[in-house]
Amino acid sequence: MYKVINFLLISLILALFMLSPSLLKAKTFMGYQCTDDCSGHEAGYNWARDNEIDDTDDCDGKSESFNEGCVAYVEENEESQVGFY
């Protein structure tokens, strides 16, 4: 029984070490977690920039990552406009 528990413990530790590099390399786009290469976020951000979106309510596409990129653009520009009114 001790050998089985020891084997399982060692297997768990090895599995954690194997997973940790991928967890450390998790990508983000302006604070939003990307599932792959952040291309959806970039597309949403670029779309919002190109269309001069200034309200997060307009970020209502079918893709969550696209919407998050759009929201990131709006929020970034809200911060840069503080004091210009």
PDB file of N, CA and C in Angstrom:
ATOM      1  N   MET A   1       0.825  -1.195   0.000  1.00  0.00           N
ATOM      2  CA  MET A   1       0.000   0.000   0.000  1.00  0.00           C
ATOM      3  C   MET A   1       0.868   1.256   0.000  1.00  0.00           C
ATOM      4  N   TYR A   2       1.937   1.232   0.757  1.00  0.00           N
ATOM      5  CA  TYR A   2       2.846   2.383   0.834  1.00  0.00           C
ATOM      6  C   TYR A   2       3.448   2.673  -0.539  1.00  0.00           C
ATOM      7  N   LYS A   3       3.808   1.612  -1.285  1.00  0.00           N
ATOM      8  CA  LYS A   3       4.403   1.788  -2.612  1.00  0.00           C
ATOM      9  C   LYS A   3       3.408   2.422  -3.580  1.00  0.00           C
ATOM     10  N   VAL A   4       2.144   2.074  -3.480  1.00  0.00           N
ATOM     11  CA  VAL A   4       1.117   2.627  -4.362  1.00  0.00           C
ATOM     12  C   VAL A   4       0.924   4.112  -4.072  1.00  0.00           C
ATOM     13  N   ILE A   5       0.836   4.458  -2.812  1.00  0.00           N
ATOM     14  CA  ILE A   5       0.677   5.870  -2.431  1.00  0.00           C
ATOM     15  C   ILE A   5       1.903   6.667  -2.859  1.00  0.00           C
ATOM     16  N   ASN A   6       3.075   6.122  -2.634  1.00  0.00           N
ATOM     17  CA  ASN A   6       4.318   6.779  -3.024  1.00  0.00           C
ATOM     18  C   ASN A   6       4.355   6.997  -4.536  1.00  0.00           C
ATOM     19  N   PHE A   7       3.975   5.981  -5.295  1.00  0.00           N
ATOM     20  CA  PHE A   7       3.947   6.084  -6.751  1.00  0.00           C
ATOM     21  C   PHE A   7       2.973   7.172  -7.205  1.00  0.00           C
ATOM     22  N   LEU A   8       1.775   7.196  -6.601  1.00  0.00           N
ATOM     23  CA  LEU A   8       0.782   8.205  -6.968  1.00  0.00           C
ATOM     24  C   LEU A   8       1.252   9.614  -6.621  1.00  0.00           C
ATOM     25  N   LEU A   9       1.898   9.756  -5.488  1.00  0.00           N
ATOM     26  CA  LEU A   9       2.414  11.057  -5.070  1.00  0.00           C
ATOM     27  C   LEU A   9       3.497  11.548  -6.030  1.00  0.00           C
ATOM     28  N   ILE A  10       4.403  10.676  -6.389  1.00  0.00           N
ATOM     29  CA  ILE A  10       5.467  11.035  -7.328  1.00  0.00           C
ATOM     30  C   ILE A  10       4.867  11.371  -8.698  1.00  0.00           C
ATOM     31  N   SER A  11       3.882  10.619  -9.137  1.00  0.00           N
ATOM     32  CA  SER A  11       3.222  10.884 -10.416  1.00  0.00           C
ATOM     33  C   SER A  11       2.539  12.250 -10.402  1.00  0.00           C
ATOM     34  N   LEU A  12       1.894  12.578  -9.303  1.00  0.00           N
ATOM     35  CA  LEU A  12       1.230  13.868  -9.177  1.00  0.00           C
ATOM     36  C   LEU A  12       2.239  15.002  -9.221  1.00  0.00           C
ATOM     37  N   ILE A  13       3.326  14.870  -8.527  1.00  0.00           N
ATOM     38  CA  ILE A  13       4.368  15.902  -8.517  1.00  0.00           C
ATOM     39  C   ILE A  13       4.946  16.096  -9.914  1.00  0.00           C
ATOM     40  N   LEU A  14       5.221  15.004 -10.602  1.00  0.00           N
ATOM     41  CA  LEU A  14       5.742  15.106 -11.964  1.00  0.00           C
ATOM     42  C   LEU A  14       4.734  15.761 -12.903  1.00  0.00           C
ATOM     43  N   ALA A  15       3.485  15.431 -12.752  1.00  0.00           N
ATOM     44  CA  ALA A  15       2.448  16.031 -13.597  1.00  0.00           C
ATOM     45  C   ALA A  15       2.370  17.536 -13.363  1.00  0.00           C
ATOM     46  N   LEU A  16       2.485  17.962 -12.117  1.00  0.00           N
ATOM     47  CA  LEU A  16       2.453  19.396 -11.809  1.00  0.00           C
ATOM     48  C   LEU A  16       3.643  20.121 -12.426  1.00  0.00           C
ATOM     49  N   PHE A  17       4.809  19.510 -12.369  1.00  0.00           N
ATOM     50  CA  PHE A  17       5.985  20.123 -12.978  1.00  0.00           C
ATOM     51  C   PHE A  17       5.837  20.219 -14.494  1.00  0.00           C
ATOM     52  N   MET A  18       5.196  19.239 -15.084  1.00  0.00           N
ATOM     53  CA  MET A  18       5.011  19.262 -16.531  1.00  0.00           C
ATOM     54  C   MET A  18       3.979  20.313 -16.942  1.00  0.00           C
ATOM     55  N   LEU A  19       2.985  20.562 -16.111  1.00  0.00           N
ATOM     56  CA  LEU A  19       1.951  21.539 -16.421  1.00  0.00           C
ATOM     57  C   LEU A  19       2.395  22.971 -16.129  1.00  0.00           C
ATOM     58  N   SER A  20       3.242  23.169 -15.151  1.00  0.00           N
ATOM     59  CA  SER A  20       3.575  24.516 -14.716  1.00  0.00           C
ATOM     60  C   SER A  20       4.169  25.399 -15.805  1.00  0.00           C
ATOM     61  N   PRO A  21       5.015  24.932 -16.712  1.00  0.00           N
ATOM     62  CA  PRO A  21       5.496  25.842 -17.756  1.00  0.00           C
ATOM     63  C   PRO A  21       4.381  26.371 -18.645  1.00  0.00           C
ATOM     64  N   SER A  22       3.400  25.538 -18.972  1.00  0.00           N
ATOM     65  CA  SER A  22       2.309  26.019 -19.813  1.00  0.00           C
ATOM     66  C   SER A  22       1.444  27.019 -19.051  1.00  0.00           C
ATOM     67  N   LEU A  23       1.294  26.826 -17.767  1.00  0.00           N
ATOM     68  CA  LEU A  23       0.525  27.772 -16.974  1.00  0.00           C
ATOM     69  C   LEU A  23       1.253  29.099 -16.850  1.00  0.00           C
ATOM     70  N   LEU A  24       2.564  29.048 -16.747  1.00  0.00           N
ATOM     71  CA  LEU A  24       3.351  30.271 -16.636  1.00  0.00           C
ATOM     72  C   LEU A  24       3.373  31.043 -17.949  1.00  0.00           C
ATOM     73  N   LYS A  25       3.194  30.368 -19.052  1.00  0.00           N
ATOM     74  CA  LYS A  25       3.239  31.009 -20.359  1.00  0.00           C
ATOM     75  C   LYS A  25       1.869  31.488 -20.817  1.00  0.00           C
ATOM     76  N   ALA A  26       0.879  31.459 -19.958  1.00  0.00           N
ATOM     77  CA  ALA A  26      -0.461  31.884 -20.335  1.00  0.00           C
ATOM     78  C   ALA A  26      -0.410  33.312 -20.862  1.00  0.00           C
ATOM     79  N   LYS A  27      -1.006  33.519 -22.019  1.00  0.00           N
ATOM     80  CA  LYS A  27      -0.968  34.827 -22.668  1.00  0.00           C
ATOM     81  C   LYS A  27      -2.158  35.671 -22.236  1.00  0.00           C
ATOM     82  N   THR A  28      -1.906  36.960 -22.197  1.00  0.00           N
ATOM     83  CA  THR A  28      -2.975  37.904 -21.913  1.00  0.00           C
ATOM     84  C   THR A  28      -2.921  39.035 -22.930  1.00  0.00           C
ATOM     85  N   PHE A  29      -4.049  39.687 -23.093  1.00  0.00           N
ATOM     86  CA  PHE A  29      -4.154  40.854 -23.965  1.00  0.00           C
ATOM     87  C   PHE A  29      -4.791  41.949 -23.150  1.00  0.00           C
ATOM     88  N   MET A  30      -4.000  42.917 -22.754  1.00  0.00           N
ATOM     89  CA  MET A  30      -4.469  44.057 -21.968  1.00  0.00           C
ATOM     90  C   MET A  30      -5.293  43.613 -20.757  1.00  0.00           C
ATOM     91  N   GLY A  31      -4.815  42.575 -20.084  1.00  0.00           N
ATOM     92  CA  GLY A  31      -5.460  42.083 -18.877  1.00  0.00           C
ATOM     93  C   GLY A  31      -6.467  40.970 -19.091  1.00  0.00           C
ATOM     94  N   TYR A  32      -6.800  40.662 -20.319  1.00  0.00           N
ATOM     95  CA  TYR A  32      -7.752  39.591 -20.615  1.00  0.00           C
ATOM     96  C   TYR A  32      -7.002  38.316 -20.986  1.00  0.00           C
ATOM     97  N   GLN A  33      -7.432  37.204 -20.450  1.00  0.00           N
ATOM     98  CA  GLN A  33      -6.802  35.913 -20.695  1.00  0.00           C
ATOM     99  C   GLN A  33      -7.085  35.431 -22.111  1.00  0.00           C
ATOM    100  N   CYS A  34      -6.043  35.053 -22.836  1.00  0.00           N
ATOM    101  CA  CYS A  34      -6.190  34.509 -24.187  1.00  0.00           C
ATOM    102  C   CYS A  34      -6.228  32.985 -24.122  1.00  0.00           C
ATOM    103  N   THR A  35      -6.987  32.385 -25.011  1.00  0.00           N
ATOM    104  CA  THR A  35      -7.026  30.927 -25.062  1.00  0.00           C
ATOM    105  C   THR A  35      -5.940  30.377 -25.963  1.00  0.00           C
ATOM    106  N   ASP A  36      -5.477  31.178 -26.921  1.00  0.00           N
ATOM    107  CA  ASP A  36      -4.467  30.681 -27.854  1.00  0.00           C
ATOM    108  C   ASP A  36      -3.462  31.783 -28.171  1.00  0.00           C
ATOM    109  N   ASP A  37      -3.668  32.482 -29.252  1.00  0.00           N
ATOM    110  CA  ASP A  37      -2.686  33.461 -29.699  1.00  0.00           C
ATOM    111  C   ASP A  37      -3.155  34.909 -29.586  1.00  0.00           C
ATOM    112  N   CYS A  38      -4.251  35.154 -28.959  1.00  0.00           N
ATOM    113  CA  CYS A  38      -4.815  36.491 -28.741  1.00  0.00           C
ATOM    114  C   CYS A  38      -5.310  37.146 -30.023  1.00  0.00           C
ATOM    115  N   SER A  39      -5.432  36.408 -31.100  1.00  0.00           N
ATOM    116  CA  SER A  39      -5.851  37.009 -32.368  1.00  0.00           C
ATOM    117  C   SER A  39      -7.275  37.553 -32.302  1.00  0.00           C
ATOM    118  N   GLY A  40      -8.149  36.900 -31.556  1.00  0.00           N
ATOM    119  CA  GLY A  40      -9.516  37.408 -31.406  1.00  0.00           C
ATOM    120  C   GLY A  40      -9.536  38.736 -30.679  1.00  0.00           C
ATOM    121  N   HIS A  41      -8.724  38.845 -29.641  1.00  0.00           N
ATOM    122  CA  HIS A  41      -8.624  40.099 -28.898  1.00  0.00           C
ATOM    123  C   HIS A  41      -8.063  41.212 -29.782  1.00  0.00           C
ATOM    124  N   GLU A  42      -7.032  40.875 -30.530  1.00  0.00           N
ATOM    125  CA  GLU A  42      -6.420  41.867 -31.417  1.00  0.00           C
ATOM    126  C   GLU A  42      -7.419  42.339 -32.479  1.00  0.00           C
ATOM    127  N   ALA A  43      -8.195  41.405 -33.012  1.00  0.00           N
ATOM    128  CA  ALA A  43      -9.191  41.764 -34.028  1.00  0.00           C
ATOM    129  C   ALA A  43     -10.245  42.701 -33.443  1.00  0.00           C
ATOM    130  N   GLY A  44     -10.715  42.412 -32.245  1.00  0.00           N
ATOM    131  CA  GLY A  44     -11.702  43.277 -31.594  1.00  0.00           C
ATOM    132  C   GLY A  44     -11.148  44.652 -31.285  1.00  0.00           C
ATOM    133  N   TYR A  45      -9.917  44.694 -30.823  1.00  0.00           N
ATOM    134  CA  TYR A  45      -9.256  45.963 -30.520  1.00  0.00           C
ATOM    135  C   TYR A  45      -9.111  46.791 -31.799  1.00  0.00           C
ATOM    136  N   ASN A  46      -8.616  46.156 -32.853  1.00  0.00           N
ATOM    137  CA  ASN A  46      -8.421  46.860 -34.124  1.00  0.00           C
ATOM    138  C   ASN A  46      -9.741  47.331 -34.724  1.00  0.00           C
ATOM    139  N   TRP A  47     -10.772  46.513 -34.618  1.00  0.00           N
ATOM    140  CA  TRP A  47     -12.089  46.894 -35.122  1.00  0.00           C
ATOM    141  C   TRP A  47     -12.606  48.125 -34.379  1.00  0.00           C
ATOM    142  N   ALA A  48     -12.472  48.109 -33.057  1.00  0.00           N
ATOM    143  CA  ALA A  48     -12.936  49.246 -32.254  1.00  0.00           C
ATOM    144  C   ALA A  48     -12.152  50.509 -32.609  1.00  0.00           C
ATOM    145  N   ARG A  49     -10.867  50.373 -32.797  1.00  0.00           N
ATOM    146  CA  ARG A  49     -10.025  51.519 -33.183  1.00  0.00           C
ATOM    147  C   ARG A  49     -10.441  52.041 -34.552  1.00  0.00           C
ATOM    148  N   ASP A  50     -10.569  51.142 -35.508  1.00  0.00           N
ATOM    149  CA  ASP A  50     -10.900  51.541 -36.879  1.00  0.00           C
ATOM    150  C   ASP A  50     -12.286  52.168 -36.986  1.00  0.00           C
ATOM    151  N   ASN A  51     -13.189  51.771 -36.101  1.00  0.00           N
ATOM    152  CA  ASN A  51     -14.561  52.281 -36.130  1.00  0.00           C
ATOM    153  C   ASN A  51     -14.816  53.337 -35.059  1.00  0.00           C
ATOM    154  N   GLU A  52     -13.756  53.768 -34.381  1.00  0.00           N
ATOM    155  CA  GLU A  52     -13.828  54.809 -33.351  1.00  0.00           C
ATOM    156  C   GLU A  52     -14.913  54.526 -32.309  1.00  0.00           C
ATOM    157  N   ILE A  53     -14.920  53.295 -31.817  1.00  0.00           N
ATOM    158  CA  ILE A  53     -15.902  52.883 -30.810  1.00  0.00           C
ATOM    159  C   ILE A  53     -15.536  53.532 -29.479  1.00  0.00           C
ATOM    160  N   ASP A  54     -16.540  54.118 -28.807  1.00  0.00           N
ATOM    161  CA  ASP A  54     -16.278  54.757 -27.521  1.00  0.00           C
ATOM    162  C   ASP A  54     -17.242  54.319 -26.421  1.00  0.00           C
ATOM    163  N   ASP A  55     -18.009  53.279 -26.701  1.00  0.00           N
ATOM    164  CA  ASP A  55     -18.969  52.762 -25.724  1.00  0.00           C
ATOM    165  C   ASP A  55     -18.884  51.233 -25.717  1.00  0.00           C
ATOM    166  N   THR A  56     -18.684  50.672 -24.541  1.00  0.00           N
ATOM    167  CA  THR A  56     -18.551  49.216 -24.443  1.00  0.00           C
ATOM    168  C   THR A  56     -19.823  48.483 -24.863  1.00  0.00           C
ATOM    169  N   ASP A  57     -20.960  49.164 -24.856  1.00  0.00           N
ATOM    170  CA  ASP A  57     -22.206  48.538 -25.312  1.00  0.00           C
ATOM    171  C   ASP A  57     -22.137  48.179 -26.801  1.00  0.00           C
ATOM    172  N   ASP A  58     -21.239  48.835 -27.527  1.00  0.00           N
ATOM    173  CA  ASP A  58     -21.069  48.534 -28.949  1.00  0.00           C
ATOM    174  C   ASP A  58     -20.185  47.319 -29.187  1.00  0.00           C
ATOM    175  N   CYS A  59     -19.610  46.777 -28.134  1.00  0.00           N
ATOM    176  CA  CYS A  59     -18.736  45.599 -28.225  1.00  0.00           C
ATOM    177  C   CYS A  59     -19.587  44.350 -27.999  1.00  0.00           C
ATOM    178  N   ASP A  60     -20.416  44.030 -28.955  1.00  0.00           N
ATOM    179  CA  ASP A  60     -21.388  42.953 -28.758  1.00  0.00           C
ATOM    180  C   ASP A  60     -21.354  41.942 -29.906  1.00  0.00           C
ATOM    181  N   GLY A  61     -20.155  41.562 -30.301  1.00  0.00           N
ATOM    182  CA  GLY A  61     -20.004  40.565 -31.363  1.00  0.00           C
ATOM    183  C   GLY A  61     -20.301  39.158 -30.854  1.00  0.00           C
ATOM    184  N   LYS A  62     -20.088  38.185 -31.715  1.00  0.00           N
ATOM    185  CA  LYS A  62     -20.384  36.796 -31.368  1.00  0.00           C
ATOM    186  C   LYS A  62     -19.239  36.112 -30.629  1.00  0.00           C
ATOM    187  N   SER A  63     -18.051  36.720 -30.630  1.00  0.00           N
ATOM    188  CA  SER A  63     -16.877  36.107 -30.009  1.00  0.00           C
ATOM    189  C   SER A  63     -16.526  36.831 -28.717  1.00  0.00           C
ATOM    190  N   GLU A  64     -16.361  36.060 -27.656  1.00  0.00           N
ATOM    191  CA  GLU A  64     -16.006  36.659 -26.367  1.00  0.00           C
ATOM    192  C   GLU A  64     -14.657  37.368 -26.444  1.00  0.00           C
ATOM    193  N   SER A  65     -13.693  36.743 -27.113  1.00  0.00           N
ATOM    194  CA  SER A  65     -12.368  37.365 -27.192  1.00  0.00           C
ATOM    195  C   SER A  65     -12.412  38.648 -28.024  1.00  0.00           C
ATOM    196  N   PHE A  66     -13.189  38.659 -29.101  1.00  0.00           N
ATOM    197  CA  PHE A  66     -13.358  39.861 -29.917  1.00  0.00           C
ATOM    198  C   PHE A  66     -13.954  40.977 -29.065  1.00  0.00           C
ATOM    199  N   ASN A  67     -14.989  40.648 -28.304  1.00  0.00           N
ATOM    200  CA  ASN A  67     -15.639  41.642 -27.446  1.00  0.00           C
ATOM    201  C   ASN A  67     -14.679  42.175 -26.391  1.00  0.00           C
ATOM    202  N   GLU A  68     -13.869  41.294 -25.819  1.00  0.00           N
ATOM    203  CA  GLU A  68     -12.907  41.740 -24.808  1.00  0.00           C
ATOM    204  C   GLU A  68     -11.864  42.673 -25.424  1.00  0.00           C
ATOM    205  N   GLY A  69     -11.428  42.393 -26.641  1.00  0.00           N
ATOM    206  CA  GLY A  69     -10.495  43.286 -27.320  1.00  0.00           C
ATOM    207  C   GLY A  69     -11.114  44.646 -27.572  1.00  0.00           C
ATOM    208  N   CYS A  70     -12.364  44.644 -27.977  1.00  0.00           N
ATOM    209  CA  CYS A  70     -13.099  45.891 -28.195  1.00  0.00           C
ATOM    210  C   CYS A  70     -13.216  46.683 -26.893  1.00  0.00           C
ATOM    211  N   VAL A  71     -13.595  46.013 -25.829  1.00  0.00           N
ATOM    212  CA  VAL A  71     -13.719  46.665 -24.520  1.00  0.00           C
ATOM    213  C   VAL A  71     -12.361  47.212 -24.076  1.00  0.00           C
ATOM    214  N   ALA A  72     -11.304  46.467 -24.320  1.00  0.00           N
ATOM    215  CA  ALA A  72      -9.958  46.933 -23.955  1.00  0.00           C
ATOM    216  C   ALA A  72      -9.639  48.247 -24.657  1.00  0.00           C
ATOM    217  N   TYR A  73     -10.006  48.356 -25.935  1.00  0.00           N
ATOM    218  CA  TYR A  73      -9.775  49.595 -26.670  1.00  0.00           C
ATOM    219  C   TYR A  73     -10.564  50.750 -26.049  1.00  0.00           C
ATOM    220  N   VAL A  74     -11.848  50.524 -25.787  1.00  0.00           N
ATOM    221  CA  VAL A  74     -12.693  51.578 -25.210  1.00  0.00           C
ATOM    222  C   VAL A  74     -12.141  52.014 -23.862  1.00  0.00           C
ATOM    223  N   GLU A  75     -11.800  51.046 -23.006  1.00  0.00           N
ATOM    224  CA  GLU A  75     -11.286  51.382 -21.672  1.00  0.00           C
ATOM    225  C   GLU A  75      -9.961  52.128 -21.758  1.00  0.00           C
ATOM    226  N   GLU A  76      -9.098  51.730 -22.674  1.00  0.00           N
ATOM    227  CA  GLU A  76      -7.820  52.405 -22.840  1.00  0.00           C
ATOM    228  C   GLU A  76      -8.032  53.863 -23.249  1.00  0.00           C
ATOM    229  N   ASN A  77      -8.982  54.095 -24.124  1.00  0.00           N
ATOM    230  CA  ASN A  77      -9.235  55.453 -24.583  1.00  0.00           C
ATOM    231  C   ASN A  77      -9.996  56.283 -23.578  1.00  0.00           C
ATOM    232  N   GLU A  78     -10.814  55.659 -22.738  1.00  0.00           N
ATOM    233  CA  GLU A  78     -11.461  56.395 -21.649  1.00  0.00           C
ATOM    234  C   GLU A  78     -10.411  56.944 -20.707  1.00  0.00           C
ATOM    235  N   GLU A  79      -9.393  56.129 -20.395  1.00  0.00           N
ATOM    236  CA  GLU A  79      -8.325  56.552 -19.500  1.00  0.00           C
ATOM    237  C   GLU A  79      -7.503  57.677 -20.104  1.00  0.00           C
ATOM    238  N   SER A  80      -7.273  57.642 -21.410  1.00  0.00           N
ATOM    239  CA  SER A  80      -6.450  58.665 -22.033  1.00  0.00           C
ATOM    240  C   SER A  80      -7.207  59.973 -22.226  1.00  0.00           C
ATOM    241  N   GLN A  81      -8.534  59.931 -22.123  1.00  0.00           N
ATOM    242  CA  GLN A  81      -9.337  61.138 -22.298  1.00  0.00           C
ATOM    243  C   GLN A  81      -9.615  61.879 -20.996  1.00  0.00           C
ATOM    244  N   VAL A  82      -9.188  61.330 -19.872  1.00  0.00           N
ATOM    245  CA  VAL A  82      -9.443  61.961 -18.571  1.00  0.00           C
ATOM    246  C   VAL A  82      -8.785  63.339 -18.572  1.00  0.00           C
ATOM    247  N   GLY A  83      -9.581  64.351 -18.233  1.00  0.00           N
ATOM    248  CA  GLY A  83      -9.070  65.719 -18.149  1.00  0.00           C
ATOM    249  C   GLY A  83      -9.127  66.492 -19.455  1.00  0.00           C
ATOM    250  N   PHE A  84      -9.680  65.912 -20.512  1.00  0.00           N
ATOM    251  CA  PHE A  84      -9.745  66.606 -21.793  1.00  0.00           C
ATOM    252  C   PHE A  84     -11.147  67.149 -22.080  1.00  0.00           C
ATOM    253  N   TYR A  85     -12.022  67.151 -21.090  1.00  0.00           N
ATOM    254  CA  TYR A  85     -13.389  67.646 -21.319  1.00  0.00           C
ATOM    255  C   TYR A  85     -13.555  69.042 -20.803  1.00  0.00           C
TER     256      TYR A  85
END
